[in-house]
Protein backbone atom coordinates (compact mmCIF):
# COMPACT_ATOMS: atom_id res chain seq x y z
CA UNK A 1 -34.08 156.65 -177.93
CA UNK A 2 -36.48 153.81 -177.39
CA UNK A 3 -39.99 154.24 -178.69
CA UNK A 4 -42.99 153.17 -176.71
CA UNK A 5 -45.30 150.64 -178.33
CA UNK A 6 -48.38 152.16 -179.90
CA UNK A 7 -51.75 150.49 -179.79
CA UNK A 8 -54.04 151.37 -182.66
CA UNK A 9 -57.75 151.06 -181.91
CA UNK A 10 -59.66 150.36 -185.09
CA UNK A 11 -63.44 150.48 -185.53
CA UNK A 12 -65.24 147.19 -185.54
CA UNK A 13 -66.67 146.17 -188.87
CA UNK A 14 -69.91 144.38 -189.55
CA UNK A 15 -72.65 143.34 -187.19
CA UNK A 16 -70.90 142.07 -184.08
CA UNK A 17 -72.05 140.91 -180.68
CA UNK A 18 -71.22 142.66 -177.43
CA UNK A 19 -67.63 142.42 -176.24
CA UNK A 20 -68.39 141.46 -172.64
CA UNK A 21 -64.68 141.04 -171.85
CA UNK A 22 -64.05 144.66 -172.78
CA UNK A 23 -67.04 145.82 -170.77
CA UNK A 24 -65.70 143.96 -167.74
CA UNK A 25 -62.36 145.75 -168.03
CA UNK A 26 -64.21 149.05 -167.85
CA UNK A 27 -66.51 148.03 -165.00
CA UNK A 28 -65.10 150.77 -162.76
CA UNK A 29 -66.02 153.41 -165.33
CA UNK A 30 -69.51 151.93 -165.56
CA UNK A 31 -69.82 152.06 -161.77
CA UNK A 32 -68.74 155.71 -161.47
CA UNK A 33 -70.91 156.86 -164.39
CA UNK A 34 -73.90 155.10 -162.82
CA UNK A 35 -73.15 156.75 -159.48
CA UNK A 36 -72.72 160.13 -161.18
CA UNK A 37 -76.11 159.74 -162.87
CA UNK A 38 -77.80 159.07 -159.53
CA UNK A 39 -76.13 162.03 -157.83
CA UNK A 40 -76.83 164.40 -160.73
CA UNK A 41 -80.53 163.52 -160.73
CA UNK A 42 -81.02 164.63 -157.15
CA UNK A 43 -78.35 167.34 -156.89
CA UNK A 44 -79.58 170.51 -155.13
CA UNK A 45 -82.97 168.87 -154.56
CA UNK A 46 -84.73 169.46 -151.24
CA UNK A 47 -86.75 166.26 -151.36
CA UNK A 48 -83.96 164.19 -152.94
CA UNK A 49 -84.81 160.54 -153.62
CA UNK A 50 -88.33 161.15 -152.30
CA UNK A 51 -89.21 162.21 -155.86
CA UNK A 52 -88.96 158.54 -156.83
CA UNK A 53 -92.04 158.00 -154.64
CA UNK A 54 -93.86 161.32 -155.07
CA UNK A 55 -93.98 161.32 -158.87
CA UNK A 56 -95.53 157.86 -159.49
CA UNK A 57 -97.79 158.14 -156.42
CA UNK A 58 -99.38 161.44 -157.46
CA UNK A 59 -99.69 160.25 -161.06
CA UNK A 60 -101.48 157.16 -159.77
CA UNK A 61 -103.84 159.31 -157.70
CA UNK A 62 -104.72 161.36 -160.81
CA UNK A 63 -105.30 158.16 -162.81
CA UNK A 64 -107.49 156.82 -160.02
CA UNK A 65 -109.66 159.95 -159.99
CA UNK A 66 -109.93 160.32 -163.77
CA UNK A 67 -110.01 156.73 -165.04
CA UNK A 68 -111.11 154.81 -161.95
CA UNK A 69 -113.60 157.39 -160.65
CA UNK A 70 -114.92 159.44 -163.58
CA UNK A 71 -114.40 157.07 -166.54
CA UNK A 72 -115.20 153.95 -164.47
CA UNK A 73 -112.47 151.89 -166.15
CA UNK A 74 -112.69 148.23 -165.14
CA UNK A 75 -109.81 147.15 -162.89
CA UNK A 76 -110.62 143.41 -162.83
CA UNK A 77 -112.03 143.66 -159.32
CA UNK A 78 -108.85 145.19 -157.84
CA UNK A 79 -108.64 148.55 -156.01
CA UNK A 80 -107.93 150.91 -158.89
CA UNK A 81 -105.13 152.78 -157.15
CA UNK A 82 -103.23 149.52 -156.61
CA UNK A 83 -104.19 148.28 -160.08
CA UNK A 84 -102.71 151.36 -161.75
CA UNK A 85 -99.66 151.73 -159.51
CA UNK A 86 -98.49 148.16 -160.14
CA UNK A 87 -98.53 149.07 -163.84
CA UNK A 88 -97.06 152.55 -163.49
CA UNK A 89 -94.18 151.23 -161.38
CA UNK A 90 -92.45 149.21 -164.16
CA UNK A 91 -93.71 151.61 -166.85
CA UNK A 92 -92.00 154.61 -165.23
CA UNK A 93 -88.72 152.71 -165.20
CA UNK A 94 -89.12 151.72 -168.85
CA UNK A 95 -90.06 155.21 -170.08
CA UNK A 96 -87.38 156.85 -167.92
CA UNK A 97 -84.64 154.63 -169.32
CA UNK A 98 -85.63 155.49 -172.88
CA UNK A 99 -85.20 159.21 -172.24
CA UNK A 100 -82.00 158.83 -170.21
CA UNK A 101 -80.28 156.45 -172.64
CA UNK A 102 -81.31 158.41 -175.75
CA UNK A 103 -79.50 161.50 -174.43
CA UNK A 104 -76.53 159.69 -172.88
CA UNK A 105 -74.17 159.88 -175.87
CA UNK A 106 -75.01 163.48 -176.76
CA UNK A 107 -74.54 164.67 -173.18
CA UNK A 108 -71.12 162.99 -173.01
CA UNK A 109 -69.86 164.04 -176.45
CA UNK A 110 -66.64 165.45 -174.97
CA UNK A 111 -65.72 162.07 -173.52
CA UNK A 112 -66.44 160.28 -176.79
CA UNK A 113 -64.21 162.56 -178.88
CA UNK A 114 -61.26 162.66 -176.46
CA UNK A 115 -60.76 159.22 -174.95
CA UNK A 116 -61.49 155.63 -175.86
CA UNK A 117 -63.79 153.42 -173.84
CA UNK A 118 -66.67 151.09 -174.78
CA UNK A 119 -69.39 153.52 -175.87
CA UNK A 120 -71.99 151.07 -174.61
CA UNK A 121 -71.00 152.08 -171.08
CA UNK A 122 -72.86 155.41 -171.45
CA UNK A 123 -76.41 154.19 -172.20
CA UNK A 124 -75.86 151.20 -169.91
CA UNK A 125 -74.97 153.46 -166.97
CA UNK A 126 -78.10 155.55 -167.63
CA UNK A 127 -80.28 152.47 -167.51
CA UNK A 128 -78.62 151.12 -164.36
CA UNK A 129 -78.90 154.46 -162.53
CA UNK A 130 -82.69 154.36 -162.93
CA UNK A 131 -82.82 151.12 -160.95
CA UNK A 132 -82.55 153.11 -157.74
CA UNK A 133 -85.85 154.87 -158.49
CA UNK A 134 -87.39 151.51 -159.31
CA UNK A 135 -86.31 150.04 -155.96
CA UNK A 136 -87.41 153.08 -153.94
CA UNK A 137 -90.84 153.11 -155.61
CA UNK A 138 -91.40 149.62 -154.21
CA UNK A 139 -92.09 151.26 -150.83
CA UNK A 140 -95.46 152.48 -152.13
CA UNK A 141 -96.37 148.94 -153.25
CA UNK A 142 -95.76 147.67 -149.72
CA UNK A 143 -97.82 150.51 -148.26
CA UNK A 144 -100.78 150.01 -150.61
CA UNK A 145 -100.85 146.24 -150.12
CA UNK A 146 -100.75 146.71 -146.36
CA UNK A 147 -103.58 149.25 -146.52
CA UNK A 148 -105.83 146.96 -148.56
CA UNK A 149 -104.64 143.88 -146.64
CA UNK A 150 -103.61 142.00 -149.75
CA UNK A 151 -100.90 139.36 -149.53
CA UNK A 152 -98.82 138.29 -152.54
CA UNK A 153 -98.71 134.65 -153.61
CA UNK A 154 -96.22 132.27 -155.14
CA UNK A 155 -96.26 134.42 -158.26
CA UNK A 156 -93.52 136.53 -156.68
CA UNK A 157 -91.10 133.76 -157.69
CA UNK A 158 -91.70 134.80 -161.31
CA UNK A 159 -90.91 138.45 -160.57
CA UNK A 160 -87.14 138.14 -161.31
CA UNK A 161 -87.97 136.83 -164.79
CA UNK A 162 -90.33 139.75 -165.39
CA UNK A 163 -87.63 142.20 -164.27
CA UNK A 164 -85.15 140.56 -166.66
CA UNK A 165 -87.68 140.98 -169.47
CA UNK A 166 -88.13 144.63 -168.46
CA UNK A 167 -84.37 145.20 -168.47
CA UNK A 168 -83.83 143.48 -171.81
CA UNK A 169 -86.56 145.54 -173.45
CA UNK A 170 -85.22 148.76 -171.91
CA UNK A 171 -81.63 147.97 -172.91
CA UNK A 172 -82.51 146.97 -176.46
CA UNK A 173 -84.62 150.01 -177.27
CA UNK A 174 -82.31 152.29 -175.27
CA UNK A 175 -79.29 151.22 -177.31
CA UNK A 176 -81.10 151.85 -180.59
CA UNK A 177 -82.33 155.28 -179.49
CA UNK A 178 -78.94 156.36 -178.15
CA UNK A 179 -77.23 155.38 -181.40
CA UNK A 180 -79.88 157.10 -183.53
CA UNK A 181 -79.85 160.26 -181.39
CA UNK A 182 -76.19 160.89 -182.22
CA UNK A 183 -76.89 161.07 -185.94
CA UNK A 184 -80.49 162.25 -185.88
CA UNK A 185 -81.06 164.93 -183.24
CA UNK A 186 -84.81 164.79 -183.88
CA UNK A 187 -84.92 161.67 -181.70
CA UNK A 188 -84.62 163.54 -178.41
CA UNK A 189 -87.33 166.01 -179.45
CA UNK A 190 -89.75 163.34 -180.65
CA UNK A 191 -89.15 160.98 -177.74
CA UNK A 192 -91.00 163.15 -175.19
CA UNK A 193 -94.42 162.87 -176.78
CA UNK A 194 -93.78 159.38 -178.20
CA UNK A 195 -93.32 158.07 -174.65
CA UNK A 196 -96.57 159.76 -173.61
CA UNK A 197 -98.41 158.09 -176.48
CA UNK A 198 -96.86 154.69 -175.73
CA UNK A 199 -98.31 154.91 -172.21
CA UNK A 200 -101.73 154.15 -173.69
CA UNK A 201 -100.34 151.30 -175.81
CA UNK A 202 -99.65 149.39 -172.58
CA UNK A 203 -102.24 148.26 -170.00
CA UNK A 204 -101.40 150.95 -167.46
CA UNK A 205 -104.79 152.61 -167.00
CA UNK A 206 -106.81 149.66 -168.28
CA UNK A 207 -106.62 145.87 -168.27
CA UNK A 208 -105.52 143.70 -171.18
CA UNK A 209 -108.93 142.01 -171.01
CA UNK A 210 -110.43 145.31 -172.21
CA UNK A 211 -108.63 144.90 -175.55
CA UNK A 212 -110.89 143.22 -178.16
CA UNK A 213 -109.88 139.61 -178.74
CA UNK A 214 -109.39 140.18 -182.46
CA UNK A 215 -106.53 142.61 -181.69
CA UNK A 216 -105.13 140.84 -178.64
CA UNK A 217 -102.70 138.48 -180.50
CA UNK A 218 -100.93 141.56 -181.86
CA UNK A 219 -101.32 143.61 -178.69
CA UNK A 220 -99.52 141.08 -176.48
CA UNK A 221 -96.43 141.29 -178.70
CA UNK A 222 -95.71 144.48 -176.77
CA UNK A 223 -93.20 143.23 -174.13
CA UNK A 224 -94.58 145.67 -171.54
CA UNK A 225 -98.00 143.99 -171.65
CA UNK A 226 -96.64 140.76 -170.17
CA UNK A 227 -94.46 142.64 -167.69
CA UNK A 228 -97.30 144.80 -166.36
CA UNK A 229 -99.87 142.02 -166.18
CA UNK A 230 -97.24 139.76 -164.62
CA UNK A 231 -96.49 142.34 -161.92
CA UNK A 232 -100.19 142.60 -161.12
CA UNK A 233 -100.59 138.82 -160.93
CA UNK A 234 -97.47 138.40 -158.79
CA UNK A 235 -98.45 140.93 -156.13
CA UNK A 236 -102.20 140.35 -156.14
CA UNK A 237 -101.96 136.54 -155.92
CA UNK A 238 -103.65 135.89 -159.24
CA UNK A 239 -102.92 133.25 -161.92
CA UNK A 240 -99.83 134.19 -163.90
CA UNK A 241 -100.93 135.18 -167.45
CA UNK A 242 -98.31 133.17 -169.33
CA UNK A 243 -100.26 133.51 -172.58
CA UNK A 244 -99.57 137.25 -172.37
CA UNK A 245 -96.02 136.95 -171.05
CA UNK A 246 -94.21 134.54 -173.37
CA UNK A 247 -94.96 136.38 -176.69
CA UNK A 248 -93.57 139.61 -175.21
CA UNK A 249 -90.57 137.70 -173.84
CA UNK A 250 -89.63 136.52 -177.32
CA UNK A 251 -89.98 140.06 -178.67
CA UNK A 252 -87.90 141.43 -175.76
CA UNK A 253 -85.05 139.01 -176.57
CA UNK A 254 -85.16 139.96 -180.27
CA UNK A 255 -85.23 143.67 -179.42
CA UNK A 256 -82.30 143.21 -177.01
CA UNK A 257 -80.15 141.38 -179.59
CA UNK A 258 -80.99 143.83 -182.37
CA UNK A 259 -80.31 146.81 -180.11
CA UNK A 260 -76.86 145.54 -179.17
CA UNK A 261 -75.96 144.70 -182.76
CA UNK A 262 -77.21 148.03 -184.07
CA UNK A 263 -75.29 149.95 -181.42
CA UNK A 264 -72.06 148.10 -182.29
CA UNK A 265 -72.69 148.75 -185.96
CA UNK A 266 -73.07 152.50 -185.43
CA UNK A 267 -70.37 152.81 -182.76
CA UNK A 268 -67.57 153.58 -185.19
CA UNK A 269 -69.17 156.88 -186.33
CA UNK A 270 -70.00 158.29 -182.88
CA UNK A 271 -66.81 160.35 -182.56
CA UNK A 272 -67.29 161.83 -186.03
CA UNK A 273 -70.83 163.13 -185.53
CA UNK A 274 -71.05 163.65 -181.74
């Protein structure tokens, strides 16, 4: 009898970069997991994808009443509802990806223990599936700008770079959280209120100019500061705040690289503790 060749898959050792060739071979799996994540989010929902508009819009209305109306928070001369929504739009994507990616490995433990595939596909599919909500929420931006008769300027050309920064930050932190959540189940419990606290560490309900100058050099290291202020400048035809964008861009790249390396480092123990 002839024996079939056996391929032994061994865990990677050391701190290694992403195997993009392997990810490309499993692109179909990534596609179907992303599609499954989108369908599962709106399964048996009456309003369906409309929730991608309803949730940020009503949150923005509450912020406008509380912070713009009662607290009189300065919005740099912009209509507060547009000021806050342009911040809440990328922030919702960022916070949503953290929650989705942190739970991705735990929710798919059966797949991890039974079949081999690049484990990075799971948190990556969670992050990609949230892009649909991000795109749909853009409808409100168009509606608000039309209502206030505000036209965007040339700053929109910078928007793809800001989205790349947003994705890199989301991917980097998402990979770290997903790897930690497998070993430390406290992560998923702590993440809910941590995300709520982080909302006030970014200029969502206030402007970066409200931060005292003595703290601003440290504050702008938060990658979401440059993203949010860049979104506002791009759509409201204001000067692009590069002095707030480039420090966060450097941090986003470092977070992205560290997240990928950390995930690869921890990948070999996922099947043992999942």
